[in-house]
Amino acid sequence: MPSSYRAFVLLLALAASPMAAQNPPRAAAAPTTMALDFQDQELRTVLTALAEAGGVNISLGYIPPTKVTLRMGQAVDRAEFAAMLRAVAEANELKVTMAGS
């Protein structure tokens, strides 16, 4: 193999490497609707999952070791999970305070 050809292949290989690193594969888009099903799960687990599904940050204090069941008959929009979170918390006599926008 001629030395000029080897140098060209080496330069081509070096030039291609940074380009691949600069263009990482894109993550799949998050679904806009989803349904969750919890059967006899800890209340803390259900509240945390609802917050994560709705893109809501929560801070939990003492949560009593209560088991709950939540079955969603149909998928709901991500924006509706905050209201579900509030409803489940209040149904279990927990205080809910919303801050920010």
N, C-alpha and C. Protein backbone atom coordinates (compact mmCIF):
# COMPACT_ATOMS: atom_id res chain seq x y z
N MET A 1 0.87 -1.17 0.00
CA MET A 1 0.00 0.00 0.00
C MET A 1 0.91 1.23 0.00
N PRO A 2 0.70 2.17 -0.91
CA PRO A 2 1.53 3.38 -0.96
C PRO A 2 1.34 4.20 0.31
N SER A 3 2.41 4.90 0.74
CA SER A 3 2.35 5.66 1.99
C SER A 3 1.35 6.81 1.91
N SER A 4 1.16 7.41 0.75
CA SER A 4 0.19 8.51 0.63
C SER A 4 -1.24 7.99 0.83
N TYR A 5 -1.50 6.75 0.38
CA TYR A 5 -2.83 6.16 0.55
C TYR A 5 -3.07 5.85 2.03
N ARG A 6 -2.05 5.31 2.74
CA ARG A 6 -2.18 5.01 4.17
C ARG A 6 -2.43 6.28 4.96
N ALA A 7 -1.75 7.37 4.60
CA ALA A 7 -1.94 8.64 5.31
C ALA A 7 -3.36 9.15 5.10
N PHE A 8 -3.90 8.99 3.87
CA PHE A 8 -5.26 9.43 3.58
C PHE A 8 -6.28 8.63 4.39
N VAL A 9 -6.10 7.32 4.50
CA VAL A 9 -7.00 6.47 5.26
C VAL A 9 -6.95 6.85 6.73
N LEU A 10 -5.75 7.11 7.26
CA LEU A 10 -5.60 7.50 8.65
C LEU A 10 -6.29 8.84 8.91
N LEU A 11 -6.10 9.80 8.03
CA LEU A 11 -6.75 11.10 8.19
C LEU A 11 -8.27 10.96 8.11
N LEU A 12 -8.74 10.14 7.21
CA LEU A 12 -10.17 9.92 7.08
C LEU A 12 -10.73 9.28 8.35
N ALA A 13 -10.02 8.32 8.90
CA ALA A 13 -10.47 7.67 10.13
C ALA A 13 -10.47 8.64 11.30
N LEU A 14 -9.45 9.48 11.41
CA LEU A 14 -9.39 10.45 12.48
C LEU A 14 -10.47 11.52 12.34
N ALA A 15 -10.77 11.91 11.12
CA ALA A 15 -11.78 12.94 10.89
C ALA A 15 -13.18 12.41 11.18
N ALA A 16 -13.43 11.14 10.97
CA ALA A 16 -14.76 10.58 11.17
C ALA A 16 -15.06 10.37 12.66
N SER A 17 -14.08 10.09 13.47
CA SER A 17 -14.31 9.80 14.88
C SER A 17 -14.97 10.95 15.64
N PRO A 18 -14.44 12.19 15.58
CA PRO A 18 -15.09 13.27 16.33
C PRO A 18 -16.50 13.55 15.84
N MET A 19 -16.76 13.36 14.56
CA MET A 19 -18.09 13.64 14.04
C MET A 19 -19.11 12.69 14.67
N ALA A 20 -18.74 11.46 14.84
CA ALA A 20 -19.67 10.50 15.45
C ALA A 20 -19.93 10.87 16.90
N ALA A 21 -18.91 11.34 17.60
CA ALA A 21 -19.09 11.71 19.00
C ALA A 21 -19.92 12.98 19.14
N GLN A 22 -19.89 13.85 18.17
CA GLN A 22 -20.65 15.09 18.24
C GLN A 22 -22.11 14.89 17.91
N ASN A 23 -22.45 13.79 17.29
CA ASN A 23 -23.83 13.50 16.91
C ASN A 23 -24.31 12.22 17.58
N PRO A 24 -24.52 12.25 18.91
CA PRO A 24 -24.98 11.03 19.58
C PRO A 24 -26.39 10.68 19.13
N PRO A 25 -26.75 9.41 19.22
CA PRO A 25 -28.11 9.02 18.81
C PRO A 25 -29.14 9.71 19.70
N ARG A 26 -30.24 10.09 19.11
CA ARG A 26 -31.30 10.78 19.84
C ARG A 26 -32.13 9.78 20.63
N ALA A 27 -32.50 10.21 21.83
CA ALA A 27 -33.37 9.37 22.66
C ALA A 27 -34.78 9.43 22.11
N ALA A 28 -35.52 8.38 22.34
CA ALA A 28 -36.91 8.34 21.88
C ALA A 28 -37.72 9.39 22.65
N ALA A 29 -38.65 9.99 21.98
CA ALA A 29 -39.50 11.01 22.62
C ALA A 29 -40.38 10.35 23.67
N ALA A 30 -40.58 11.06 24.77
CA ALA A 30 -41.44 10.55 25.84
C ALA A 30 -42.88 10.50 25.35
N PRO A 31 -43.63 9.48 25.73
CA PRO A 31 -45.03 9.42 25.29
C PRO A 31 -45.83 10.57 25.90
N THR A 32 -46.83 11.03 25.16
CA THR A 32 -47.64 12.14 25.66
C THR A 32 -48.79 11.64 26.52
N THR A 33 -49.17 10.38 26.38
CA THR A 33 -50.20 9.79 27.23
C THR A 33 -49.70 8.44 27.73
N MET A 34 -50.19 8.06 28.91
CA MET A 34 -49.85 6.74 29.44
C MET A 34 -50.87 6.35 30.50
N ALA A 35 -50.91 5.07 30.76
CA ALA A 35 -51.79 4.53 31.80
C ALA A 35 -50.92 3.76 32.78
N LEU A 36 -51.23 3.89 34.05
CA LEU A 36 -50.49 3.19 35.10
C LEU A 36 -51.44 2.28 35.86
N ASP A 37 -50.90 1.20 36.38
CA ASP A 37 -51.69 0.23 37.12
C ASP A 37 -50.89 -0.20 38.35
N PHE A 38 -51.39 0.11 39.53
CA PHE A 38 -50.73 -0.26 40.77
C PHE A 38 -51.68 -1.14 41.57
N GLN A 39 -51.22 -2.28 41.97
CA GLN A 39 -52.04 -3.18 42.77
C GLN A 39 -51.32 -3.46 44.09
N ASP A 40 -51.92 -3.01 45.17
CA ASP A 40 -51.41 -3.25 46.51
C ASP A 40 -49.94 -2.81 46.65
N GLN A 41 -49.67 -1.55 46.27
CA GLN A 41 -48.32 -0.98 46.33
C GLN A 41 -48.24 0.06 47.43
N GLU A 42 -47.03 0.31 47.91
CA GLU A 42 -46.81 1.33 48.93
C GLU A 42 -47.23 2.70 48.38
N LEU A 43 -47.86 3.50 49.22
CA LEU A 43 -48.32 4.83 48.83
C LEU A 43 -47.17 5.68 48.32
N ARG A 44 -46.02 5.62 48.98
CA ARG A 44 -44.84 6.39 48.55
C ARG A 44 -44.45 6.03 47.11
N THR A 45 -44.50 4.75 46.77
CA THR A 45 -44.15 4.30 45.42
C THR A 45 -45.12 4.86 44.39
N VAL A 46 -46.41 4.83 44.71
CA VAL A 46 -47.43 5.33 43.78
C VAL A 46 -47.28 6.84 43.58
N LEU A 47 -47.09 7.58 44.66
CA LEU A 47 -46.93 9.04 44.54
C LEU A 47 -45.69 9.40 43.74
N THR A 48 -44.60 8.70 43.98
CA THR A 48 -43.37 8.96 43.24
C THR A 48 -43.53 8.66 41.76
N ALA A 49 -44.20 7.56 41.44
CA ALA A 49 -44.41 7.20 40.03
C ALA A 49 -45.33 8.19 39.33
N LEU A 50 -46.37 8.65 40.01
CA LEU A 50 -47.26 9.65 39.41
C LEU A 50 -46.51 10.95 39.15
N ALA A 51 -45.68 11.35 40.08
CA ALA A 51 -44.90 12.58 39.90
C ALA A 51 -43.94 12.44 38.73
N GLU A 52 -43.26 11.31 38.64
CA GLU A 52 -42.32 11.11 37.53
C GLU A 52 -43.05 11.07 36.19
N ALA A 53 -44.18 10.39 36.14
CA ALA A 53 -44.96 10.32 34.90
C ALA A 53 -45.45 11.68 34.46
N GLY A 54 -45.75 12.56 35.44
CA GLY A 54 -46.25 13.88 35.11
C GLY A 54 -45.18 14.95 34.99
N GLY A 55 -43.93 14.55 35.21
CA GLY A 55 -42.85 15.52 35.12
C GLY A 55 -42.89 16.54 36.25
N VAL A 56 -43.36 16.11 37.42
CA VAL A 56 -43.52 17.00 38.57
C VAL A 56 -42.46 16.65 39.61
N ASN A 57 -41.80 17.66 40.17
CA ASN A 57 -40.87 17.45 41.26
C ASN A 57 -41.65 17.42 42.56
N ILE A 58 -41.37 16.43 43.40
CA ILE A 58 -42.05 16.36 44.68
C ILE A 58 -41.03 16.17 45.80
N SER A 59 -41.44 16.58 46.97
CA SER A 59 -40.65 16.37 48.17
C SER A 59 -41.57 15.68 49.16
N LEU A 60 -41.20 14.50 49.58
CA LEU A 60 -42.05 13.72 50.47
C LEU A 60 -41.46 13.70 51.87
N GLY A 61 -42.31 13.96 52.83
CA GLY A 61 -41.92 13.81 54.23
C GLY A 61 -42.29 12.40 54.66
N TYR A 62 -42.84 12.30 55.85
CA TYR A 62 -43.27 11.00 56.35
C TYR A 62 -44.52 10.55 55.58
N ILE A 63 -44.43 9.39 54.99
CA ILE A 63 -45.58 8.79 54.31
C ILE A 63 -45.90 7.50 55.07
N PRO A 64 -47.11 7.39 55.59
CA PRO A 64 -47.44 6.17 56.34
C PRO A 64 -47.33 4.94 55.44
N PRO A 65 -46.96 3.81 56.03
CA PRO A 65 -46.81 2.58 55.25
C PRO A 65 -48.18 2.01 54.85
N THR A 66 -48.80 2.68 53.90
CA THR A 66 -50.14 2.32 53.46
C THR A 66 -50.06 1.71 52.06
N LYS A 67 -50.80 0.64 51.85
CA LYS A 67 -50.88 0.02 50.52
C LYS A 67 -52.08 0.58 49.78
N VAL A 68 -51.89 0.88 48.51
CA VAL A 68 -52.97 1.42 47.69
C VAL A 68 -53.03 0.67 46.36
N THR A 69 -54.20 0.75 45.74
CA THR A 69 -54.40 0.21 44.40
C THR A 69 -54.95 1.33 43.53
N LEU A 70 -54.34 1.51 42.38
CA LEU A 70 -54.77 2.55 41.43
C LEU A 70 -54.79 1.91 40.05
N ARG A 71 -55.96 1.86 39.46
CA ARG A 71 -56.10 1.30 38.11
C ARG A 71 -56.67 2.37 37.20
N MET A 72 -55.95 2.66 36.16
CA MET A 72 -56.42 3.64 35.18
C MET A 72 -57.03 2.87 34.02
N GLY A 73 -58.27 3.15 33.73
CA GLY A 73 -58.95 2.45 32.65
C GLY A 73 -58.48 2.87 31.27
N GLN A 74 -57.93 4.07 31.18
CA GLN A 74 -57.45 4.57 29.89
C GLN A 74 -56.25 5.47 30.11
N ALA A 75 -55.49 5.68 29.06
CA ALA A 75 -54.32 6.54 29.14
C ALA A 75 -54.75 8.00 29.29
N VAL A 76 -53.96 8.76 30.03
CA VAL A 76 -54.23 10.18 30.21
C VAL A 76 -53.02 10.99 29.79
N ASP A 77 -53.25 12.27 29.51
CA ASP A 77 -52.17 13.17 29.14
C ASP A 77 -51.23 13.37 30.32
N ARG A 78 -50.00 13.64 29.99
CA ARG A 78 -48.97 13.86 31.01
C ARG A 78 -49.37 14.99 31.97
N ALA A 79 -50.03 16.01 31.47
CA ALA A 79 -50.42 17.15 32.30
C ALA A 79 -51.43 16.77 33.38
N GLU A 80 -52.16 15.69 33.18
CA GLU A 80 -53.19 15.28 34.15
C GLU A 80 -52.63 14.53 35.35
N PHE A 81 -51.36 14.13 35.30
CA PHE A 81 -50.80 13.36 36.40
C PHE A 81 -50.64 14.19 37.67
N ALA A 82 -50.43 15.50 37.56
CA ALA A 82 -50.32 16.35 38.74
C ALA A 82 -51.64 16.34 39.52
N ALA A 83 -52.76 16.41 38.80
CA ALA A 83 -54.07 16.36 39.46
C ALA A 83 -54.30 14.98 40.10
N MET A 84 -53.86 13.92 39.44
CA MET A 84 -54.00 12.58 40.00
C MET A 84 -53.16 12.44 41.25
N LEU A 85 -51.97 12.98 41.21
CA LEU A 85 -51.07 12.95 42.36
C LEU A 85 -51.73 13.61 43.57
N ARG A 86 -52.30 14.79 43.33
CA ARG A 86 -53.00 15.52 44.40
C ARG A 86 -54.19 14.70 44.92
N ALA A 87 -54.96 14.11 44.03
CA ALA A 87 -56.15 13.35 44.44
C ALA A 87 -55.77 12.12 45.27
N VAL A 88 -54.74 11.40 44.86
CA VAL A 88 -54.32 10.21 45.61
C VAL A 88 -53.78 10.62 46.98
N ALA A 89 -52.99 11.68 47.02
CA ALA A 89 -52.43 12.15 48.29
C ALA A 89 -53.55 12.58 49.24
N GLU A 90 -54.48 13.39 48.76
CA GLU A 90 -55.56 13.88 49.61
C GLU A 90 -56.50 12.75 50.04
N ALA A 91 -56.70 11.76 49.18
CA ALA A 91 -57.54 10.62 49.54
C ALA A 91 -56.92 9.82 50.68
N ASN A 92 -55.60 9.95 50.84
CA ASN A 92 -54.90 9.26 51.91
C ASN A 92 -54.52 10.21 53.03
N GLU A 93 -55.27 11.33 53.13
CA GLU A 93 -55.14 12.33 54.19
C GLU A 93 -53.74 12.92 54.30
N LEU A 94 -53.11 13.17 53.14
CA LEU A 94 -51.82 13.84 53.10
C LEU A 94 -52.00 15.27 52.64
N LYS A 95 -51.22 16.17 53.17
CA LYS A 95 -51.29 17.58 52.78
C LYS A 95 -50.47 17.79 51.51
N VAL A 96 -51.05 18.50 50.57
CA VAL A 96 -50.37 18.78 49.29
C VAL A 96 -50.20 20.28 49.15
N THR A 97 -48.98 20.71 48.91
CA THR A 97 -48.69 22.13 48.68
C THR A 97 -48.00 22.24 47.35
N MET A 98 -48.53 23.08 46.47
CA MET A 98 -47.93 23.29 45.17
C MET A 98 -47.18 24.62 45.19
N ALA A 99 -45.99 24.62 44.63
CA ALA A 99 -45.18 25.83 44.55
C ALA A 99 -44.68 25.99 43.12
N GLY A 100 -44.45 27.23 42.72
CA GLY A 100 -43.95 27.49 41.37
C GLY A 100 -45.06 27.47 40.34
N SER A 101 -44.62 27.39 39.09
CA SER A 101 -45.62 27.44 38.01
C SER A 101 -45.91 26.09 37.46
